[in-house]
Amino acid sequence: ERLLAAWQADRATRIAAWNVQKEVEARADAEAEEMRRLREEEEELLVNEEAERERREAEKKKPKMNTFIPGSSITDILIHPPSQYALQKLSTFDYVEMWYFSPAGRLDASKFHDRSQAEDTLGISKIDDLLTIRPIASVKASRNVIPNHELTFPDFLSTKNCFLDHAKKANWPTTNLDALAKFFWFLETHPSVQLPLGERIILTYASRVCFNWHRDLKAGRGYDILVINGHLLDTITRDIEGHDNDRVKAKRRPSHPRATSHARRDRTTCVMRPTTSDAAATHAPNPRVHHASTT
C-alpha cells in the first residue's frame, strides 16, 4: 500500500507538472499567435496607407477641368501669354530677352511656338548642371527674337512692366524685383536719354548689365544693379558714337570709285577723231565737179 500510495502521489505530481507545462506552452503559443496577428494587421495597415497615398498622388496628377463662374464674360481685350520658353527661363531665374513679353513676342508665341501639338515633342535642357527632358516649346528660342538693345525705347519701356509682372508670378525674390523696377526707372530718367544717341546708349547698357547680373546671381556673385556704373556707361557711349561716326563717313564716301574712273575712260574712247587719211579724203576735189567746170 505504501508503494501504491507513493506511486500515485508521484504520478499526480507529474500530471500536475505536465498540465502546468501545457498551460505555459498554450499561453506562449497564444501570445505568439497574437503577436503574429498584430504584426500582419500592422503590415496590412501600412500597405493600405501607402496604396492610399499613391492613389491620392495619382489623382493629383490627373488632368482636371476647372469650373467657371456663372454669368461672367470674356474680357474686352485678349492678351496672348508669353512663350513657354520665356516662362521657363523666368522659372529658373535665367536671363531672357524683353522681346518675348512685348505684343510682337506674345503674338509670335501664339502663332508659331505654343501650338497644342508641340506638347508631344520633347527636348533636352540643362538646369543647374542637370539635363532634363521638357516640351520642345519650353526649350526652343524664337527665331524672331530681338535683343534688348535693338528694341525701340518706347517698346522697351512698355514691355518691362509685362516682364516684371510675369517675373513676380514666377516667385522671383521681392528684393530682386524691386531692384529691377528701380533700375528701369533710373535708366528711363537718366540724362543720357536726351543725347542724340541716348536711347541706344541706355538700351545697350541695360542689355549688357541685365545679362551679366543674371549670370553673376547664378554664380553667387550678385551685385547691386541699382548702382549705375558711370565708367561702363561712358565706354558704351564712346563705342556707339564711334560706330555711328564710322557709318556716317562710310555714307559720304563714293560707293564705287573704280567704276567712275572706268566710265570716264570709256567716254574718252568714244570720241571720234579724224585720222590723216580721213582728212585727205575730205579736202580732195570731186572729179565729177571738176570735169563739169572745165567743160
C-alpha atoms as a PDB file:
ATOM      1  CA  GLU A   1       0.000   0.000   0.000  1.00  0.00           C
ATOM      2  CA  ARG A   2       2.888   2.354   0.698  1.00  0.00           C
ATOM      3  CA  LEU A   3       4.360   1.712  -2.689  1.00  0.00           C
ATOM      4  CA  LEU A   4       0.978   2.256  -4.311  1.00  0.00           C
ATOM      5  CA  ALA A   5       0.457   5.479  -2.430  1.00  0.00           C
ATOM      6  CA  ALA A   6       3.935   6.701  -3.317  1.00  0.00           C
ATOM      7  CA  TRP A   7       3.432   5.836  -6.987  1.00  0.00           C
ATOM      8  CA  GLN A   8       0.046   7.563  -7.068  1.00  0.00           C
ATOM      9  CA  ALA A   9       1.498  10.648  -5.390  1.00  0.00           C
ATOM     10  CA  ASP A  10       4.403  10.748  -7.841  1.00  0.00           C
ATOM     11  CA  ARG A  11       2.026  10.239 -10.749  1.00  0.00           C
ATOM     12  CA  ALA A  12      -0.220  13.041  -9.554  1.00  0.00           C
ATOM     13  CA  THR A  13       2.797  15.337  -9.220  1.00  0.00           C
ATOM     14  CA  ARG A  14       3.991  14.544 -12.718  1.00  0.00           C
ATOM     15  CA  ILE A  15       0.492  15.028 -14.134  1.00  0.00           C
ATOM     16  CA  ALA A  16       0.206  18.395 -12.409  1.00  0.00           C
ATOM     17  CA  ALA A  17       3.622  19.440 -13.728  1.00  0.00           C
ATOM     18  CA  TRP A  18       2.667  18.279 -17.235  1.00  0.00           C
ATOM     19  CA  ASN A  19      -0.579  20.238 -17.063  1.00  0.00           C
ATOM     20  CA  VAL A  20       1.304  23.323 -15.911  1.00  0.00           C
ATOM     21  CA  GLN A  21       3.791  22.889 -18.776  1.00  0.00           C
ATOM     22  CA  LYS A  22       0.976  22.530 -21.277  1.00  0.00           C
ATOM     23  CA  GLU A  23      -0.702  25.655 -19.955  1.00  0.00           C
ATOM     24  CA  VAL A  24       2.569  27.578 -20.260  1.00  0.00           C
ATOM     25  CA  GLU A  25       3.060  26.347 -23.824  1.00  0.00           C
ATOM     26  CA  ALA A  26      -0.539  27.169 -24.682  1.00  0.00           C
ATOM     27  CA  ARG A  27      -0.177  30.683 -23.323  1.00  0.00           C
ATOM     28  CA  ALA A  28       3.108  31.117 -25.221  1.00  0.00           C
ATOM     29  CA  ASP A  29       1.503  29.875 -28.435  1.00  0.00           C
ATOM     30  CA  ALA A  30      -1.447  32.200 -27.902  1.00  0.00           C
ATOM     31  CA  GLU A  31       0.851  35.146 -27.274  1.00  0.00           C
ATOM     32  CA  ALA A  32       2.908  34.288 -30.372  1.00  0.00           C
ATOM     33  CA  GLU A  33      -0.256  33.988 -32.439  1.00  0.00           C
ATOM     34  CA  GLU A  34      -1.459  37.328 -31.106  1.00  0.00           C
ATOM     35  CA  MET A  35       1.871  38.954 -31.947  1.00  0.00           C
ATOM     36  CA  ARG A  36       1.752  37.475 -35.457  1.00  0.00           C
ATOM     37  CA  ARG A  37      -1.795  38.709 -35.950  1.00  0.00           C
ATOM     38  CA  LEU A  38      -0.907  42.196 -34.736  1.00  0.00           C
ATOM     39  CA  ARG A  39       2.155  42.267 -36.988  1.00  0.00           C
ATOM     40  CA  GLU A  40       0.119  41.210 -40.015  1.00  0.00           C
ATOM     41  CA  GLU A  41      -2.512  43.817 -39.222  1.00  0.00           C
ATOM     42  CA  GLU A  42       0.173  46.496 -38.906  1.00  0.00           C
ATOM     43  CA  GLU A  43       1.779  45.468 -42.189  1.00  0.00           C
ATOM     44  CA  GLU A  44      -1.597  45.440 -43.896  1.00  0.00           C
ATOM     45  CA  LEU A  45      -2.334  48.884 -42.487  1.00  0.00           C
ATOM     46  CA  LEU A  46       0.976  50.236 -43.829  1.00  0.00           C
ATOM     47  CA  VAL A  47       0.311  48.694 -47.236  1.00  0.00           C
ATOM     48  CA  ASN A  48      -3.160  50.217 -47.336  1.00  0.00           C
ATOM     49  CA  GLU A  49      -1.835  53.627 -46.276  1.00  0.00           C
ATOM     50  CA  GLU A  50       0.859  53.516 -48.982  1.00  0.00           C
ATOM     51  CA  ALA A  51      -1.702  52.479 -51.580  1.00  0.00           C
ATOM     52  CA  GLU A  52      -3.990  55.312 -50.485  1.00  0.00           C
ATOM     53  CA  ARG A  53      -1.128  57.812 -50.671  1.00  0.00           C
ATOM     54  CA  GLU A  54      -0.202  56.650 -54.174  1.00  0.00           C
ATOM     55  CA  ARG A  55      -3.847  56.870 -55.193  1.00  0.00           C
ATOM     56  CA  ARG A  56      -4.067  60.456 -53.936  1.00  0.00           C
ATOM     57  CA  GLU A  57      -0.820  61.369 -55.724  1.00  0.00           C
ATOM     58  CA  ALA A  58      -2.090  59.822 -58.942  1.00  0.00           C
ATOM     59  CA  GLU A  59      -5.362  61.687 -58.510  1.00  0.00           C
ATOM     60  CA  LYS A  60      -3.487  64.962 -58.177  1.00  0.00           C
ATOM     61  CA  LYS A  61      -1.564  64.307 -61.395  1.00  0.00           C
ATOM     62  CA  LYS A  62      -4.676  63.590 -63.390  1.00  0.00           C
ATOM     63  CA  PRO A  63      -5.688  66.468 -65.656  1.00  0.00           C
ATOM     64  CA  LYS A  64      -8.719  68.235 -64.285  1.00  0.00           C
ATOM     65  CA  MET A  65     -11.044  70.711 -65.870  1.00  0.00           C
ATOM     66  CA  ASN A  66     -11.866  73.680 -63.686  1.00  0.00           C
ATOM     67  CA  THR A  67     -15.371  75.018 -63.411  1.00  0.00           C
ATOM     68  CA  PHE A  68     -16.430  78.554 -64.325  1.00  0.00           C
ATOM     69  CA  ILE A  69     -18.162  81.484 -62.672  1.00  0.00           C
ATOM     70  CA  PRO A  70     -21.778  81.637 -63.875  1.00  0.00           C
ATOM     71  CA  GLY A  71     -22.655  84.926 -65.540  1.00  0.00           C
ATOM     72  CA  SER A  72     -19.034  86.021 -66.090  1.00  0.00           C
ATOM     73  CA  SER A  73     -17.908  87.196 -69.539  1.00  0.00           C
ATOM     74  CA  ILE A  74     -14.689  87.153 -71.522  1.00  0.00           C
ATOM     75  CA  THR A  75     -12.505  90.264 -71.293  1.00  0.00           C
ATOM     76  CA  ASP A  76     -12.739  93.000 -73.909  1.00  0.00           C
ATOM     77  CA  ILE A  77      -9.115  92.511 -74.997  1.00  0.00           C
ATOM     78  CA  LEU A  78      -7.448  89.126 -75.427  1.00  0.00           C
ATOM     79  CA  ILE A  79      -3.805  89.162 -74.310  1.00  0.00           C
ATOM     80  CA  HIS A  80      -1.594  86.359 -75.575  1.00  0.00           C
ATOM     81  CA  PRO A  81       0.694  84.925 -72.869  1.00  0.00           C
ATOM     82  CA  PRO A  82       4.468  84.851 -73.425  1.00  0.00           C
ATOM     83  CA  SER A  83       6.006  81.728 -74.890  1.00  0.00           C
ATOM     84  CA  GLN A  84       6.704  78.670 -72.770  1.00  0.00           C
ATOM     85  CA  TYR A  85      10.399  79.251 -73.448  1.00  0.00           C
ATOM     86  CA  ALA A  86      10.289  82.690 -71.803  1.00  0.00           C
ATOM     87  CA  LEU A  87       8.215  81.464 -68.858  1.00  0.00           C
ATOM     88  CA  GLN A  88      10.598  78.541 -68.346  1.00  0.00           C
ATOM     89  CA  LYS A  89      13.535  80.977 -68.265  1.00  0.00           C
ATOM     90  CA  LEU A  90      11.755  83.020 -65.610  1.00  0.00           C
ATOM     91  CA  SER A  91      11.000  79.935 -63.512  1.00  0.00           C
ATOM     92  CA  THR A  92      14.718  79.083 -63.402  1.00  0.00           C
ATOM     93  CA  PHE A  93      15.716  82.731 -62.760  1.00  0.00           C
ATOM     94  CA  ASP A  94      17.667  82.941 -66.030  1.00  0.00           C
ATOM     95  CA  TYR A  95      18.159  85.900 -68.359  1.00  0.00           C
ATOM     96  CA  VAL A  96      15.552  86.227 -71.085  1.00  0.00           C
ATOM     97  CA  GLU A  97      15.061  88.921 -73.710  1.00  0.00           C
ATOM     98  CA  MET A  98      12.349  91.535 -73.122  1.00  0.00           C
ATOM     99  CA  TRP A  99      11.001  90.975 -76.634  1.00  0.00           C
ATOM    100  CA  TYR A 100       9.224  87.801 -75.501  1.00  0.00           C
ATOM    101  CA  PHE A 101       6.943  89.954 -73.312  1.00  0.00           C
ATOM    102  CA  SER A 102       6.155  92.526 -75.994  1.00  0.00           C
ATOM    103  CA  PRO A 103       2.959  92.321 -78.073  1.00  0.00           C
ATOM    104  CA  ALA A 104       5.039  91.127 -81.031  1.00  0.00           C
ATOM    105  CA  GLY A 105       6.700  88.421 -78.954  1.00  0.00           C
ATOM    106  CA  ARG A 106       3.433  87.165 -77.481  1.00  0.00           C
ATOM    107  CA  LEU A 107       1.812  87.129 -80.907  1.00  0.00           C
ATOM    108  CA  ASP A 108       4.797  85.185 -82.233  1.00  0.00           C
ATOM    109  CA  ALA A 109       4.319  82.630 -79.444  1.00  0.00           C
ATOM    110  CA  SER A 110       0.644  82.180 -80.260  1.00  0.00           C
ATOM    111  CA  LYS A 111       1.358  81.654 -83.968  1.00  0.00           C
ATOM    112  CA  PHE A 112       4.443  79.503 -84.120  1.00  0.00           C
ATOM    113  CA  HIS A 113       5.598  78.134 -80.789  1.00  0.00           C
ATOM    114  CA  ASP A 114       2.759  77.231 -78.419  1.00  0.00           C
ATOM    115  CA  ARG A 115       0.559  75.032 -80.586  1.00  0.00           C
ATOM    116  CA  SER A 116      -1.031  72.093 -78.824  1.00  0.00           C
ATOM    117  CA  GLN A 117       0.805  69.510 -80.942  1.00  0.00           C
ATOM    118  CA  ALA A 118       4.144  70.921 -79.798  1.00  0.00           C
ATOM    119  CA  GLU A 119       3.499  69.409 -76.363  1.00  0.00           C
ATOM    120  CA  ASP A 120       4.139  65.952 -77.819  1.00  0.00           C
ATOM    121  CA  THR A 121       7.674  66.885 -78.899  1.00  0.00           C
ATOM    122  CA  LEU A 122      10.326  66.755 -76.184  1.00  0.00           C
ATOM    123  CA  GLY A 123      13.710  68.431 -75.933  1.00  0.00           C
ATOM    124  CA  ILE A 124      16.688  68.353 -73.558  1.00  0.00           C
ATOM    125  CA  SER A 125      17.571  71.361 -71.406  1.00  0.00           C
ATOM    126  CA  LYS A 126      20.311  71.968 -68.842  1.00  0.00           C
ATOM    127  CA  ILE A 127      19.327  73.363 -65.433  1.00  0.00           C
ATOM    128  CA  ASP A 128      21.938  73.675 -62.681  1.00  0.00           C
ATOM    129  CA  ASP A 129      24.269  71.191 -64.432  1.00  0.00           C
ATOM    130  CA  LEU A 130      21.419  68.662 -64.751  1.00  0.00           C
ATOM    131  CA  LEU A 131      19.927  67.508 -68.057  1.00  0.00           C
ATOM    132  CA  THR A 132      16.138  67.399 -68.085  1.00  0.00           C
ATOM    133  CA  ILE A 133      13.582  66.452 -70.733  1.00  0.00           C
ATOM    134  CA  ARG A 134      10.935  69.086 -71.370  1.00  0.00           C
ATOM    135  CA  PRO A 135       8.443  70.006 -74.112  1.00  0.00           C
ATOM    136  CA  ILE A 136      10.303  71.463 -77.091  1.00  0.00           C
ATOM    137  CA  ALA A 137       8.293  74.690 -76.825  1.00  0.00           C
ATOM    138  CA  SER A 138       9.873  75.402 -73.437  1.00  0.00           C
ATOM    139  CA  VAL A 139      13.490  74.927 -74.564  1.00  0.00           C
ATOM    140  CA  LYS A 140      13.499  76.389 -78.078  1.00  0.00           C
ATOM    141  CA  ALA A 141      14.093  80.112 -78.543  1.00  0.00           C
ATOM    142  CA  SER A 142      12.176  82.017 -81.188  1.00  0.00           C
ATOM    143  CA  ARG A 143      13.998  82.721 -84.429  1.00  0.00           C
ATOM    144  CA  ASN A 144      12.356  86.150 -84.467  1.00  0.00           C
ATOM    145  CA  VAL A 145      13.679  87.305 -81.094  1.00  0.00           C
ATOM    146  CA  ILE A 146      15.091  90.850 -80.944  1.00  0.00           C
ATOM    147  CA  PRO A 147      17.904  91.672 -78.470  1.00  0.00           C
ATOM    148  CA  ASN A 148      17.125  94.269 -75.821  1.00  0.00           C
ATOM    149  CA  HIS A 149      19.460  96.870 -77.299  1.00  0.00           C
ATOM    150  CA  GLU A 150      17.703  96.643 -80.685  1.00  0.00           C
ATOM    151  CA  LEU A 151      14.242  97.379 -79.289  1.00  0.00           C
ATOM    152  CA  THR A 152      12.810 100.842 -79.672  1.00  0.00           C
ATOM    153  CA  PHE A 153      12.891 102.839 -76.463  1.00  0.00           C
ATOM    154  CA  PRO A 154       9.064 103.066 -76.212  1.00  0.00           C
ATOM    155  CA  ASP A 155       8.799  99.290 -76.749  1.00  0.00           C
ATOM    156  CA  PHE A 156      11.348  98.687 -74.005  1.00  0.00           C
ATOM    157  CA  LEU A 157       9.500 100.905 -71.545  1.00  0.00           C
ATOM    158  CA  SER A 158       6.116  99.302 -72.245  1.00  0.00           C
ATOM    159  CA  THR A 159       7.474  95.745 -72.224  1.00  0.00           C
ATOM    160  CA  LYS A 160       9.310  95.971 -68.905  1.00  0.00           C
ATOM    161  CA  ASN A 161       6.011  96.093 -66.990  1.00  0.00           C
ATOM    162  CA  CYS A 162       4.823  92.811 -68.509  1.00  0.00           C
ATOM    163  CA  PHE A 163       8.231  91.284 -67.809  1.00  0.00           C
ATOM    164  CA  LEU A 164       8.144  92.317 -64.143  1.00  0.00           C
ATOM    165  CA  ASP A 165       4.576  91.034 -63.760  1.00  0.00           C
ATOM    166  CA  HIS A 166       5.455  87.554 -65.033  1.00  0.00           C
ATOM    167  CA  ALA A 167       8.687  87.519 -63.007  1.00  0.00           C
ATOM    168  CA  LYS A 168       6.568  88.144 -59.914  1.00  0.00           C
ATOM    169  CA  LYS A 169       4.287  85.235 -60.864  1.00  0.00           C
ATOM    170  CA  ALA A 170       7.427  83.084 -61.187  1.00  0.00           C
ATOM    171  CA  ASN A 171       8.176  83.792 -57.489  1.00  0.00           C
ATOM    172  CA  TRP A 172      11.239  85.942 -58.018  1.00  0.00           C
ATOM    173  CA  PRO A 173      12.551  87.412 -54.733  1.00  0.00           C
ATOM    174  CA  THR A 174      10.852  90.698 -53.873  1.00  0.00           C
ATOM    175  CA  THR A 175      14.244  92.355 -53.362  1.00  0.00           C
ATOM    176  CA  ASN A 176      15.318  91.491 -56.909  1.00  0.00           C
ATOM    177  CA  LEU A 177      12.004  92.619 -58.408  1.00  0.00           C
ATOM    178  CA  ASP A 178      12.141  95.969 -56.610  1.00  0.00           C
ATOM    179  CA  ALA A 179      15.748  96.467 -57.717  1.00  0.00           C
ATOM    180  CA  LEU A 180      14.874  95.773 -61.366  1.00  0.00           C
ATOM    181  CA  ALA A 181      11.871  98.113 -61.270  1.00  0.00           C
ATOM    182  CA  LYS A 182      14.008 100.934 -59.853  1.00  0.00           C
ATOM    183  CA  PHE A 183      16.814 100.110 -62.306  1.00  0.00           C
ATOM    184  CA  PHE A 184      14.473 100.515 -65.265  1.00  0.00           C
ATOM    185  CA  TRP A 185      13.154 103.775 -63.828  1.00  0.00           C
ATOM    186  CA  PHE A 186      16.695 105.127 -63.341  1.00  0.00           C
ATOM    187  CA  LEU A 187      17.501 104.361 -66.976  1.00  0.00           C
ATOM    188  CA  GLU A 188      14.241 105.868 -68.214  1.00  0.00           C
ATOM    189  CA  THR A 189      15.005 109.164 -66.439  1.00  0.00           C
ATOM    190  CA  HIS A 190      18.787 109.165 -66.966  1.00  0.00           C
ATOM    191  CA  PRO A 191      20.178 112.392 -68.533  1.00  0.00           C
ATOM    192  CA  SER A 192      21.891 110.366 -71.270  1.00  0.00           C
ATOM    193  CA  VAL A 193      18.487 109.711 -72.839  1.00  0.00           C
ATOM    194  CA  GLN A 194      18.480 113.331 -74.049  1.00  0.00           C
ATOM    195  CA  LEU A 195      21.612 112.781 -76.176  1.00  0.00           C
ATOM    196  CA  PRO A 196      21.211 112.218 -79.938  1.00  0.00           C
ATOM    197  CA  LEU A 197      22.111 108.549 -79.469  1.00  0.00           C
ATOM    198  CA  GLY A 198      20.948 108.421 -75.861  1.00  0.00           C
ATOM    199  CA  GLU A 199      18.224 105.822 -76.269  1.00  0.00           C
ATOM    200  CA  ARG A 200      20.591 103.369 -77.971  1.00  0.00           C
ATOM    201  CA  ILE A 201      23.184 104.003 -75.272  1.00  0.00           C
ATOM    202  CA  ILE A 202      20.740 103.346 -72.434  1.00  0.00           C
ATOM    203  CA  LEU A 203      19.282 100.230 -74.076  1.00  0.00           C
ATOM    204  CA  THR A 204      22.764  98.823 -74.679  1.00  0.00           C
ATOM    205  CA  TYR A 205      23.732  99.479 -71.065  1.00  0.00           C
ATOM    206  CA  ALA A 206      20.544  97.809 -69.818  1.00  0.00           C
ATOM    207  CA  SER A 207      21.031  94.791 -72.088  1.00  0.00           C
ATOM    208  CA  ARG A 208      24.635  94.166 -71.062  1.00  0.00           C
ATOM    209  CA  VAL A 209      24.115  94.803 -67.351  1.00  0.00           C
ATOM    210  CA  CYS A 210      20.978  92.630 -67.056  1.00  0.00           C
ATOM    211  CA  PHE A 211      22.666  89.709 -68.808  1.00  0.00           C
ATOM    212  CA  ASN A 212      25.752  89.999 -66.600  1.00  0.00           C
ATOM    213  CA  TRP A 213      23.635  90.462 -63.455  1.00  0.00           C
ATOM    214  CA  HIS A 214      21.693  87.238 -64.019  1.00  0.00           C
ATOM    215  CA  ARG A 215      24.894  85.324 -64.735  1.00  0.00           C
ATOM    216  CA  ASP A 216      26.585  86.583 -61.549  1.00  0.00           C
ATOM    217  CA  LEU A 217      23.478  85.863 -59.466  1.00  0.00           C
ATOM    218  CA  LYS A 218      23.619  82.245 -60.641  1.00  0.00           C
ATOM    219  CA  ALA A 219      27.298  82.094 -59.664  1.00  0.00           C
ATOM    220  CA  GLY A 220      26.671  83.610 -56.226  1.00  0.00           C
ATOM    221  CA  ARG A 221      28.410  86.884 -57.102  1.00  0.00           C
ATOM    222  CA  GLY A 222      25.328  89.114 -57.247  1.00  0.00           C
ATOM    223  CA  TYR A 223      25.840  92.877 -57.054  1.00  0.00           C
ATOM    224  CA  ASP A 224      23.540  95.879 -56.627  1.00  0.00           C
ATOM    225  CA  ILE A 225      22.154  96.580 -60.083  1.00  0.00           C
ATOM    226  CA  LEU A 226      20.892  99.976 -58.898  1.00  0.00           C
ATOM    227  CA  VAL A 227      24.455 101.319 -58.783  1.00  0.00           C
ATOM    228  CA  ILE A 228      24.856 102.841 -62.259  1.00  0.00           C
ATOM    229  CA  ASN A 229      28.471 102.371 -63.359  1.00  0.00           C
ATOM    230  CA  GLY A 230      29.497 105.672 -64.934  1.00  0.00           C
ATOM    231  CA  HIS A 231      32.716 104.276 -66.416  1.00  0.00           C
ATOM    232  CA  LEU A 232      30.857 101.461 -68.177  1.00  0.00           C
ATOM    233  CA  LEU A 233      28.236 103.918 -69.416  1.00  0.00           C
ATOM    234  CA  ASP A 234      30.970 106.205 -70.805  1.00  0.00           C
ATOM    235  CA  THR A 235      32.615 103.257 -72.559  1.00  0.00           C
ATOM    236  CA  ILE A 236      29.327 102.243 -74.172  1.00  0.00           C
ATOM    237  CA  THR A 237      28.696 105.871 -75.175  1.00  0.00           C
ATOM    238  CA  ARG A 238      32.073 106.187 -76.914  1.00  0.00           C
ATOM    239  CA  ASP A 239      31.612 102.836 -78.609  1.00  0.00           C
ATOM    240  CA  ILE A 240      28.185 103.698 -80.022  1.00  0.00           C
ATOM    241  CA  GLU A 241      29.226 107.216 -81.044  1.00  0.00           C
ATOM    242  CA  GLY A 242      32.323 105.801 -82.749  1.00  0.00           C
ATOM    243  CA  HIS A 243      30.292 103.278 -84.723  1.00  0.00           C
ATOM    244  CA  ASP A 244      27.821 105.980 -85.691  1.00  0.00           C
ATOM    245  CA  ASN A 245      30.621 108.269 -86.926  1.00  0.00           C
ATOM    246  CA  ASP A 246      32.089 105.428 -88.979  1.00  0.00           C
ATOM    247  CA  ARG A 247      28.689 104.779 -90.513  1.00  0.00           C
ATOM    248  CA  VAL A 248      28.259 108.445 -91.453  1.00  0.00           C
ATOM    249  CA  LYS A 249      31.733 108.586 -93.026  1.00  0.00           C
ATOM    250  CA  ALA A 250      31.032 105.430 -94.999  1.00  0.00           C
ATOM    251  CA  LYS A 251      27.885 107.002 -96.447  1.00  0.00           C
ATOM    252  CA  ARG A 252      29.761 110.115 -97.548  1.00  0.00           C
ATOM    253  CA  ARG A 253      32.500 108.133 -99.281  1.00  0.00           C
ATOM    254  CA  PRO A 254      31.935 107.317-103.036  1.00  0.00           C
ATOM    255  CA  SER A 255      30.482 103.902-103.354  1.00  0.00           C
ATOM    256  CA  HIS A 256      32.441 102.726-106.496  1.00  0.00           C
ATOM    257  CA  PRO A 257      35.455 104.986-107.275  1.00  0.00           C
ATOM    258  CA  ARG A 258      36.982 102.499-109.724  1.00  0.00           C
ATOM    259  CA  ALA A 259      33.782 102.224-111.680  1.00  0.00           C
ATOM    260  CA  THR A 260      33.711 106.032-112.023  1.00  0.00           C
ATOM    261  CA  SER A 261      37.243 106.189-113.453  1.00  0.00           C
ATOM    262  CA  HIS A 262      36.439 103.374-115.896  1.00  0.00           C
ATOM    263  CA  ALA A 263      33.357 105.265-117.037  1.00  0.00           C
ATOM    264  CA  ARG A 264      35.444 108.360-117.697  1.00  0.00           C
ATOM    265  CA  ARG A 265      37.928 106.385-119.798  1.00  0.00           C
ATOM    266  CA  ASP A 266      35.056 104.797-121.717  1.00  0.00           C
ATOM    267  CA  ARG A 267      33.594 108.187-122.509  1.00  0.00           C
ATOM    268  CA  THR A 268      37.034 109.378-123.723  1.00  0.00           C
ATOM    269  CA  THR A 269      37.481 106.471-126.123  1.00  0.00           C
ATOM    270  CA  CYS A 270      34.030 107.047-127.588  1.00  0.00           C
ATOM    271  CA  VAL A 271      35.064 110.475-129.064  1.00  0.00           C
ATOM    272  CA  MET A 272      35.641 110.087-132.854  1.00  0.00           C
ATOM    273  CA  ARG A 273      38.737 111.931-134.079  1.00  0.00           C
ATOM    274  CA  PRO A 274      39.537 112.133-137.795  1.00  0.00           C
ATOM    275  CA  THR A 275      42.637 110.300-138.969  1.00  0.00           C
ATOM    276  CA  THR A 276      45.148 111.621-141.578  1.00  0.00           C
ATOM    277  CA  SER A 277      43.585 109.618-144.392  1.00  0.00           C
ATOM    278  CA  ASP A 278      40.111 110.877-143.448  1.00  0.00           C
ATOM    279  CA  ALA A 279      41.316 114.471-143.590  1.00  0.00           C
ATOM    280  CA  ALA A 280      42.895 113.982-147.012  1.00  0.00           C
ATOM    281  CA  ALA A 281      39.732 112.438-148.339  1.00  0.00           C
ATOM    282  CA  THR A 282      37.718 115.330-147.035  1.00  0.00           C
ATOM    283  CA  HIS A 283      39.798 118.025-148.763  1.00  0.00           C
ATOM    284  CA  ALA A 284      40.306 116.188-152.088  1.00  0.00           C
ATOM    285  CA  PRO A 285      38.433 117.754-155.083  1.00  0.00           C
ATOM    286  CA  ASN A 286      35.491 115.905-156.559  1.00  0.00           C
ATOM    287  CA  PRO A 287      36.478 114.668-160.037  1.00  0.00           C
ATOM    288  CA  ARG A 288      32.994 114.957-161.432  1.00  0.00           C
ATOM    289  CA  VAL A 289      32.550 118.511-160.333  1.00  0.00           C
ATOM    290  CA  HIS A 290      35.954 119.469-161.702  1.00  0.00           C
ATOM    291  CA  HIS A 291      35.128 117.904-165.136  1.00  0.00           C
ATOM    292  CA  ALA A 292      31.911 119.807-165.397  1.00  0.00           C
ATOM    293  CA  SER A 293      33.616 123.122-164.755  1.00  0.00           C
ATOM    294  CA  THR A 294      36.212 122.596-167.468  1.00  0.00           C
ATOM    295  CA  THR A 295      33.597 121.759-169.970  1.00  0.00           C
END
